[in-house]
PDB file of N, CA and C in Angstrom:
ATOM      1  N   MET A   1       9.755 -15.767   3.588  1.00  0.00           N
ATOM      2  CA  MET A   1       8.708 -15.943   2.613  1.00  0.00           C
ATOM      3  C   MET A   1       9.380 -15.766   1.126  1.00  0.00           C
ATOM      4  N   ALA A   2      10.294 -14.731   1.012  1.00  0.00           N
ATOM      5  CA  ALA A   2      10.879 -14.475  -0.221  1.00  0.00           C
ATOM      6  C   ALA A   2      11.804 -15.664  -0.637  1.00  0.00           C
ATOM      7  N   THR A   3      12.371 -16.334   0.269  1.00  0.00           N
ATOM      8  CA  THR A   3      13.167 -17.540  -0.108  1.00  0.00           C
ATOM      9  C   THR A   3      12.347 -18.627  -0.692  1.00  0.00           C
ATOM     10  N   LEU A   4      11.177 -18.763  -0.111  1.00  0.00           N
ATOM     11  CA  LEU A   4      10.262 -19.914  -0.619  1.00  0.00           C
ATOM     12  C   LEU A   4       9.668 -19.484  -1.965  1.00  0.00           C
ATOM     13  N   LEU A   5       9.343 -18.229  -2.175  1.00  0.00           N
ATOM     14  CA  LEU A   5       8.642 -17.833  -3.384  1.00  0.00           C
ATOM     15  C   LEU A   5       9.607 -17.614  -4.546  1.00  0.00           C
ATOM     16  N   GLY A   6      10.838 -17.172  -4.318  1.00  0.00           N
ATOM     17  CA  GLY A   6      11.732 -16.858  -5.354  1.00  0.00           C
ATOM     18  C   GLY A   6      11.645 -15.366  -5.706  1.00  0.00           C
ATOM     19  N   LYS A   7      12.517 -14.830  -6.485  1.00  0.00           N
ATOM     20  CA  LYS A   7      12.649 -13.356  -6.728  1.00  0.00           C
ATOM     21  C   LYS A   7      11.386 -12.884  -7.419  1.00  0.00           C
ATOM     22  N   GLU A   8      11.025 -13.464  -8.552  1.00  0.00           N
ATOM     23  CA  GLU A   8       9.920 -12.836  -9.395  1.00  0.00           C
ATOM     24  C   GLU A   8       8.540 -12.899  -8.651  1.00  0.00           C
ATOM     25  N   SER A   9       8.291 -14.084  -7.922  1.00  0.00           N
ATOM     26  CA  SER A   9       7.107 -14.209  -7.226  1.00  0.00           C
ATOM     27  C   SER A   9       7.000 -13.345  -5.897  1.00  0.00           C
ATOM     28  N   SER A  10       8.251 -13.043  -5.415  1.00  0.00           N
ATOM     29  CA  SER A  10       8.305 -12.146  -4.263  1.00  0.00           C
ATOM     30  C   SER A  10       7.986 -10.742  -4.626  1.00  0.00           C
ATOM     31  N   TYR A  11       8.395 -10.292  -5.884  1.00  0.00           N
ATOM     32  CA  TYR A  11       7.967  -9.000  -6.251  1.00  0.00           C
ATOM     33  C   TYR A  11       6.482  -8.900  -6.539  1.00  0.00           C
ATOM     34  N   LEU A  12       5.898  -9.922  -7.074  1.00  0.00           N
ATOM     35  CA  LEU A  12       4.537  -9.967  -7.365  1.00  0.00           C
ATOM     36  C   LEU A  12       3.779  -9.966  -6.046  1.00  0.00           C
ATOM     37  N   PHE A  13       4.126 -10.730  -5.024  1.00  0.00           N
ATOM     38  CA  PHE A  13       3.544 -10.799  -3.695  1.00  0.00           C
ATOM     39  C   PHE A  13       3.644  -9.432  -3.048  1.00  0.00           C
ATOM     40  N   TYR A  14       4.788  -8.833  -3.089  1.00  0.00           N
ATOM     41  CA  TYR A  14       4.924  -7.520  -2.466  1.00  0.00           C
ATOM     42  C   TYR A  14       3.956  -6.503  -3.111  1.00  0.00           C
ATOM     43  N   SER A  15       3.907  -6.530  -4.401  1.00  0.00           N
ATOM     44  CA  SER A  15       3.047  -5.602  -5.181  1.00  0.00           C
ATOM     45  C   SER A  15       1.623  -5.878  -4.801  1.00  0.00           C
ATOM     46  N   LEU A  16       1.228  -7.052  -4.632  1.00  0.00           N
ATOM     47  CA  LEU A  16      -0.175  -7.401  -4.224  1.00  0.00           C
ATOM     48  C   LEU A  16      -0.450  -6.841  -2.842  1.00  0.00           C
ATOM     49  N   LEU A  17       0.484  -7.144  -1.927  1.00  0.00           N
ATOM     50  CA  LEU A  17       0.207  -6.635  -0.516  1.00  0.00           C
ATOM     51  C   LEU A  17       0.232  -5.097  -0.502  1.00  0.00           C
ATOM     52  N   LEU A  18       0.977  -4.516  -1.380  1.00  0.00           N
ATOM     53  CA  LEU A  18       1.105  -3.012  -1.364  1.00  0.00           C
ATOM     54  C   LEU A  18      -0.147  -2.335  -1.964  1.00  0.00           C
ATOM     55  N   LEU A  19      -0.677  -3.022  -3.051  1.00  0.00           N
ATOM     56  CA  LEU A  19      -1.737  -2.276  -3.804  1.00  0.00           C
ATOM     57  C   LEU A  19      -3.186  -2.743  -3.468  1.00  0.00           C
ATOM     58  N   LEU A  20      -3.310  -3.949  -2.963  1.00  0.00           N
ATOM     59  CA  LEU A  20      -4.721  -4.474  -2.673  1.00  0.00           C
ATOM     60  C   LEU A  20      -5.445  -3.623  -1.721  1.00  0.00           C
ATOM     61  N   PRO A  21      -4.880  -3.030  -0.687  1.00  0.00           N
ATOM     62  CA  PRO A  21      -5.679  -2.096   0.162  1.00  0.00           C
ATOM     63  C   PRO A  21      -6.369  -0.946  -0.522  1.00  0.00           C
ATOM     64  N   TYR A  22      -5.617  -0.423  -1.633  1.00  0.00           N
ATOM     65  CA  TYR A  22      -6.263   0.646  -2.305  1.00  0.00           C
ATOM     66  C   TYR A  22      -7.510   0.286  -3.098  1.00  0.00           C
ATOM     67  N   VAL A  23      -7.451  -1.007  -3.587  1.00  0.00           N
ATOM     68  CA  VAL A  23      -8.750  -1.571  -4.284  1.00  0.00           C
ATOM     69  C   VAL A  23      -9.876  -1.658  -3.231  1.00  0.00           C
ATOM     70  N   MET A  24      -9.500  -2.087  -2.001  1.00  0.00           N
ATOM     71  CA  MET A  24     -10.431  -2.232  -0.949  1.00  0.00           C
ATOM     72  C   MET A  24     -10.999  -0.888  -0.521  1.00  0.00           C
ATOM     73  N   LEU A  25     -10.077   0.218  -0.549  1.00  0.00           N
ATOM     74  CA  LEU A  25     -10.534   1.524  -0.213  1.00  0.00           C
ATOM     75  C   LEU A  25     -11.595   2.033  -1.194  1.00  0.00           C
ATOM     76  N   ILE A  26     -11.312   1.832  -2.408  1.00  0.00           N
ATOM     77  CA  ILE A  26     -12.310   2.291  -3.503  1.00  0.00           C
ATOM     78  C   ILE A  26     -13.631   1.566  -3.319  1.00  0.00           C
ATOM     79  N   THR A  27     -13.585   0.284  -2.991  1.00  0.00           N
ATOM     80  CA  THR A  27     -14.802  -0.531  -2.792  1.00  0.00           C
ATOM     81  C   THR A  27     -15.610   0.089  -1.595  1.00  0.00           C
ATOM     82  N   MET A  28     -14.860   0.389  -0.458  1.00  0.00           N
ATOM     83  CA  MET A  28     -15.471   0.934   0.731  1.00  0.00           C
ATOM     84  C   MET A  28     -16.108   2.271   0.407  1.00  0.00           C
ATOM     85  N   ALA A  29     -15.408   3.111  -0.370  1.00  0.00           N
ATOM     86  CA  ALA A  29     -15.878   4.405  -0.760  1.00  0.00           C
ATOM     87  C   ALA A  29     -17.197   4.318  -1.511  1.00  0.00           C
ATOM     88  N   ILE A  30     -17.251   3.348  -2.461  1.00  0.00           N
ATOM     89  CA  ILE A  30     -18.442   3.239  -3.297  1.00  0.00           C
ATOM     90  C   ILE A  30     -19.603   2.726  -2.410  1.00  0.00           C
ATOM     91  N   VAL A  31     -19.326   1.758  -1.545  1.00  0.00           N
ATOM     92  CA  VAL A  31     -20.400   1.186  -0.719  1.00  0.00           C
ATOM     93  C   VAL A  31     -20.798   2.080   0.480  1.00  0.00           C
ATOM     94  N   ASN A  32     -19.879   2.704   1.085  1.00  0.00           N
ATOM     95  CA  ASN A  32     -20.109   3.397   2.381  1.00  0.00           C
ATOM     96  C   ASN A  32     -19.999   4.943   2.194  1.00  0.00           C
ATOM     97  N   SER A  33     -18.841   5.426   2.138  1.00  0.00           N
ATOM     98  CA  SER A  33     -18.672   6.924   2.167  1.00  0.00           C
ATOM     99  C   SER A  33     -17.340   7.260   1.373  1.00  0.00           C
ATOM    100  N   PHE A  34     -17.415   8.387   0.859  1.00  0.00           N
ATOM    101  CA  PHE A  34     -16.254   8.865   0.029  1.00  0.00           C
ATOM    102  C   PHE A  34     -15.114   9.374   0.905  1.00  0.00           C
ATOM    103  N   TYR A  35     -15.298   9.388   2.194  1.00  0.00           N
ATOM    104  CA  TYR A  35     -14.266   9.697   3.104  1.00  0.00           C
ATOM    105  C   TYR A  35     -13.163   8.608   3.089  1.00  0.00           C
ATOM    106  N   PHE A  36     -13.563   7.423   2.661  1.00  0.00           N
ATOM    107  CA  PHE A  36     -12.575   6.304   2.578  1.00  0.00           C
ATOM    108  C   PHE A  36     -11.623   6.470   1.520  1.00  0.00           C
ATOM    109  N   LEU A  37     -11.736   7.483   0.661  1.00  0.00           N
ATOM    110  CA  LEU A  37     -10.732   7.794  -0.386  1.00  0.00           C
ATOM    111  C   LEU A  37      -9.557   8.540   0.210  1.00  0.00           C
ATOM    112  N   LEU A  38      -9.675   9.063   1.421  1.00  0.00           N
ATOM    113  CA  LEU A  38      -8.657   9.937   2.073  1.00  0.00           C
ATOM    114  C   LEU A  38      -7.250   9.226   2.022  1.00  0.00           C
ATOM    115  N   PRO A  39      -7.111   7.873   2.370  1.00  0.00           N
ATOM    116  CA  PRO A  39      -5.805   7.284   2.323  1.00  0.00           C
ATOM    117  C   PRO A  39      -5.232   7.107   0.948  1.00  0.00           C
ATOM    118  N   LEU A  40      -6.024   7.412  -0.106  1.00  0.00           N
ATOM    119  CA  LEU A  40      -5.423   7.361  -1.448  1.00  0.00           C
ATOM    120  C   LEU A  40      -4.302   8.414  -1.660  1.00  0.00           C
ATOM    121  N   ILE A  41      -4.113   9.292  -0.716  1.00  0.00           N
ATOM    122  CA  ILE A  41      -3.040  10.245  -0.757  1.00  0.00           C
ATOM    123  C   ILE A  41      -1.678   9.544  -0.773  1.00  0.00           C
ATOM    124  N   THR A  42      -1.681   8.359  -0.192  1.00  0.00           N
ATOM    125  CA  THR A  42      -0.411   7.653  -0.119  1.00  0.00           C
ATOM    126  C   THR A  42      -0.176   6.766  -1.400  1.00  0.00           C
ATOM    127  N   LEU A  43      -0.993   6.746  -2.289  1.00  0.00           N
ATOM    128  CA  LEU A  43      -0.838   5.915  -3.471  1.00  0.00           C
ATOM    129  C   LEU A  43       0.381   6.223  -4.271  1.00  0.00           C
ATOM    130  N   PRO A  44       0.774   7.511  -4.528  1.00  0.00           N
ATOM    131  CA  PRO A  44       2.005   7.774  -5.265  1.00  0.00           C
ATOM    132  C   PRO A  44       3.232   7.170  -4.617  1.00  0.00           C
ATOM    133  N   GLU A  45       3.312   7.168  -3.307  1.00  0.00           N
ATOM    134  CA  GLU A  45       4.413   6.551  -2.592  1.00  0.00           C
ATOM    135  C   GLU A  45       4.448   5.068  -2.791  1.00  0.00           C
ATOM    136  N   ALA A  46       3.216   4.426  -2.682  1.00  0.00           N
ATOM    137  CA  ALA A  46       3.156   3.010  -2.908  1.00  0.00           C
ATOM    138  C   ALA A  46       3.575   2.654  -4.320  1.00  0.00           C
ATOM    139  N   LEU A  47       3.349   3.418  -5.329  1.00  0.00           N
ATOM    140  CA  LEU A  47       3.734   3.082  -6.677  1.00  0.00           C
ATOM    141  C   LEU A  47       5.259   3.294  -6.776  1.00  0.00           C
ATOM    142  N   ARG A  48       5.810   4.271  -6.040  1.00  0.00           N
ATOM    143  CA  ARG A  48       7.267   4.449  -6.100  1.00  0.00           C
ATOM    144  C   ARG A  48       7.964   3.194  -5.403  1.00  0.00           C
ATOM    145  N   LEU A  49       7.362   2.763  -4.341  1.00  0.00           N
ATOM    146  CA  LEU A  49       7.947   1.587  -3.701  1.00  0.00           C
ATOM    147  C   LEU A  49       7.927   0.381  -4.591  1.00  0.00           C
ATOM    148  N   LYS A  50       6.792   0.199  -5.192  1.00  0.00           N
ATOM    149  CA  LYS A  50       6.667  -0.914  -6.197  1.00  0.00           C
ATOM    150  C   LYS A  50       7.687  -0.801  -7.314  1.00  0.00           C
ATOM    151  N   LYS A  51       7.853   0.352  -7.822  1.00  0.00           N
ATOM    152  CA  LYS A  51       8.884   0.567  -8.891  1.00  0.00           C
ATOM    153  C   LYS A  51      10.259   0.294  -8.359  1.00  0.00           C
ATOM    154  N   ASP A  52      10.632   0.828  -7.225  1.00  0.00           N
ATOM    155  CA  ASP A  52      11.954   0.573  -6.621  1.00  0.00           C
ATOM    156  C   ASP A  52      12.199  -0.876  -6.284  1.00  0.00           C
ATOM    157  N   CYS A  53      11.223  -1.570  -5.863  1.00  0.00           N
ATOM    158  CA  CYS A  53      11.320  -2.949  -5.587  1.00  0.00           C
ATOM    159  C   CYS A  53      11.562  -3.799  -6.896  1.00  0.00           C
ATOM    160  N   ASN A  54      10.734  -3.458  -7.859  1.00  0.00           N
ATOM    161  CA  ASN A  54      10.980  -4.181  -9.197  1.00  0.00           C
ATOM    162  C   ASN A  54      12.275  -3.864  -9.851  1.00  0.00           C
ATOM    163  N   GLU A  55      12.834  -2.676  -9.556  1.00  0.00           N
ATOM    164  CA  GLU A  55      14.157  -2.393 -10.102  1.00  0.00           C
ATOM    165  C   GLU A  55      15.325  -2.879  -9.236  1.00  0.00           C
ATOM    166  N   GLY A  56      15.042  -3.535  -8.114  1.00  0.00           N
ATOM    167  CA  GLY A  56      16.082  -4.070  -7.304  1.00  0.00           C
ATOM    168  C   GLY A  56      16.681  -3.188  -6.302  1.00  0.00           C
ATOM    169  N   ARG A  57      16.128  -1.945  -6.040  1.00  0.00           N
ATOM    170  CA  ARG A  57      16.692  -1.075  -5.037  1.00  0.00           C
ATOM    171  C   ARG A  57      15.947  -1.358  -3.727  1.00  0.00           C
ATOM    172  N   LEU A  58      16.506  -2.375  -3.068  1.00  0.00           N
ATOM    173  CA  LEU A  58      15.850  -2.963  -1.866  1.00  0.00           C
ATOM    174  C   LEU A  58      16.308  -2.359  -0.538  1.00  0.00           C
ATOM    175  N   GLU A  59      17.426  -1.538  -0.595  1.00  0.00           N
ATOM    176  CA  GLU A  59      18.010  -1.104   0.697  1.00  0.00           C
ATOM    177  C   GLU A  59      17.058  -0.405   1.608  1.00  0.00           C
ATOM    178  N   THR A  60      16.260   0.463   1.210  1.00  0.00           N
ATOM    179  CA  THR A  60      15.397   1.234   2.032  1.00  0.00           C
ATOM    180  C   THR A  60      13.870   0.907   1.966  1.00  0.00           C
ATOM    181  N   ILE A  61      13.604  -0.232   1.208  1.00  0.00           N
ATOM    182  CA  ILE A  61      12.230  -0.600   1.039  1.00  0.00           C
ATOM    183  C   ILE A  61      11.497  -0.847   2.356  1.00  0.00           C
ATOM    184  N   PRO A  62      12.090  -1.630   3.304  1.00  0.00           N
ATOM    185  CA  PRO A  62      11.331  -1.953   4.497  1.00  0.00           C
ATOM    186  C   PRO A  62      11.000  -0.692   5.336  1.00  0.00           C
ATOM    187  N   GLN A  63      11.998   0.271   5.423  1.00  0.00           N
ATOM    188  CA  GLN A  63      11.694   1.537   6.274  1.00  0.00           C
ATOM    189  C   GLN A  63      10.626   2.364   5.556  1.00  0.00           C
ATOM    190  N   ARG A  64      10.761   2.463   4.277  1.00  0.00           N
ATOM    191  CA  ARG A  64       9.769   3.316   3.518  1.00  0.00           C
ATOM    192  C   ARG A  64       8.414   2.663   3.503  1.00  0.00           C
ATOM    193  N   THR A  65       8.358   1.344   3.376  1.00  0.00           N
ATOM    194  CA  THR A  65       7.061   0.679   3.456  1.00  0.00           C
ATOM    195  C   THR A  65       6.422   0.949   4.878  1.00  0.00           C
ATOM    196  N   ALA A  66       7.200   0.796   5.899  1.00  0.00           N
ATOM    197  CA  ALA A  66       6.694   0.991   7.241  1.00  0.00           C
ATOM    198  C   ALA A  66       6.205   2.454   7.448  1.00  0.00           C
ATOM    199  N   GLN A  67       6.932   3.435   6.942  1.00  0.00           N
ATOM    200  CA  GLN A  67       6.493   4.863   6.993  1.00  0.00           C
ATOM    201  C   GLN A  67       5.199   4.988   6.214  1.00  0.00           C
ATOM    202  N   MET A  68       5.081   4.504   5.036  1.00  0.00           N
ATOM    203  CA  MET A  68       3.897   4.667   4.258  1.00  0.00           C
ATOM    204  C   MET A  68       2.692   3.972   4.938  1.00  0.00           C
ATOM    205  N   ASN A  69       2.916   2.785   5.520  1.00  0.00           N
ATOM    206  CA  ASN A  69       1.829   2.146   6.166  1.00  0.00           C
ATOM    207  C   ASN A  69       1.356   2.879   7.445  1.00  0.00           C
ATOM    208  N   LEU A  70       2.247   3.582   8.095  1.00  0.00           N
ATOM    209  CA  LEU A  70       1.829   4.377   9.281  1.00  0.00           C
ATOM    210  C   LEU A  70       0.985   5.535   8.847  1.00  0.00           C
ATOM    211  N   VAL A  71       1.315   6.213   7.727  1.00  0.00           N
ATOM    212  CA  VAL A  71       0.545   7.323   7.211  1.00  0.00           C
ATOM    213  C   VAL A  71      -0.762   6.762   6.719  1.00  0.00           C
ATOM    214  N   PHE A  72      -0.748   5.658   5.966  1.00  0.00           N
ATOM    215  CA  PHE A  72      -2.032   5.029   5.492  1.00  0.00           C
ATOM    216  C   PHE A  72      -2.912   4.697   6.584  1.00  0.00           C
ATOM    217  N   GLY A  73      -2.405   4.083   7.656  1.00  0.00           N
ATOM    218  CA  GLY A  73      -3.217   3.679   8.790  1.00  0.00           C
ATOM    219  C   GLY A  73      -3.855   4.820   9.493  1.00  0.00           C
ATOM    220  N   VAL A  74      -3.111   5.925   9.704  1.00  0.00           N
ATOM    221  CA  VAL A  74      -3.627   7.139  10.389  1.00  0.00           C
ATOM    222  C   VAL A  74      -4.735   7.765   9.542  1.00  0.00           C
ATOM    223  N   LEU A  75      -4.529   7.822   8.189  1.00  0.00           N
ATOM    224  CA  LEU A  75      -5.502   8.288   7.342  1.00  0.00           C
ATOM    225  C   LEU A  75      -6.779   7.498   7.292  1.00  0.00           C
ATOM    226  N   PHE A  76      -6.571   6.179   7.347  1.00  0.00           N
ATOM    227  CA  PHE A  76      -7.735   5.194   7.347  1.00  0.00           C
ATOM    228  C   PHE A  76      -8.453   5.413   8.567  1.00  0.00           C
ATOM    229  N   VAL A  77      -7.882   5.509   9.724  1.00  0.00           N
ATOM    230  CA  VAL A  77      -8.516   5.737  11.033  1.00  0.00           C
ATOM    231  C   VAL A  77      -9.400   7.095  10.933  1.00  0.00           C
ATOM    232  N   LEU A  78      -8.762   8.076  10.437  1.00  0.00           N
ATOM    233  CA  LEU A  78      -9.463   9.349  10.318  1.00  0.00           C
ATOM    234  C   LEU A  78     -10.657   9.254   9.352  1.00  0.00           C
ATOM    235  N   SER A  79     -10.504   8.492   8.287  1.00  0.00           N
ATOM    236  CA  SER A  79     -11.591   8.290   7.356  1.00  0.00           C
ATOM    237  C   SER A  79     -12.741   7.517   8.004  1.00  0.00           C
ATOM    238  N   CYS A  80     -12.409   6.518   8.822  1.00  0.00           N
ATOM    239  CA  CYS A  80     -13.396   5.752   9.548  1.00  0.00           C
ATOM    240  C   CYS A  80     -14.188   6.667  10.572  1.00  0.00           C
ATOM    241  N   LEU A  81     -13.418   7.542  11.206  1.00  0.00           N
ATOM    242  CA  LEU A  81     -14.140   8.470  12.141  1.00  0.00           C
ATOM    243  C   LEU A  81     -15.075   9.509  11.430  1.00  0.00           C
ATOM    244  N   ALA A  82     -14.573   9.926  10.246  1.00  0.00           N
ATOM    245  CA  ALA A  82     -15.358  10.821   9.465  1.00  0.00           C
ATOM    246  C   ALA A  82     -16.523  10.239   8.857  1.00  0.00           C
ATOM    247  N   ALA A  83     -16.477   9.004   8.480  1.00  0.00           N
ATOM    248  CA  ALA A  83     -17.634   8.351   7.839  1.00  0.00           C
ATOM    249  C   ALA A  83     -18.670   8.019   8.855  1.00  0.00           C
TER     250      ALA A  83
END
């Protein structure tokens, strides 16, 4: 995908994929339950990943993204169970 999009568009696409779930969480919290804000704990790590990606430090981005997604997913499941 990055080859097709190019460098700048790839950074934008990665940022969109990284940060859009947080917008959805806030929407779900407003509509349903504030328990859906629990995964926001991972937002600082998402912002660090975005910064590192934009600065070209790509060596550990895939591993760190996977770790953050795991924590986000577990917290999201817990928030669904609590709501």
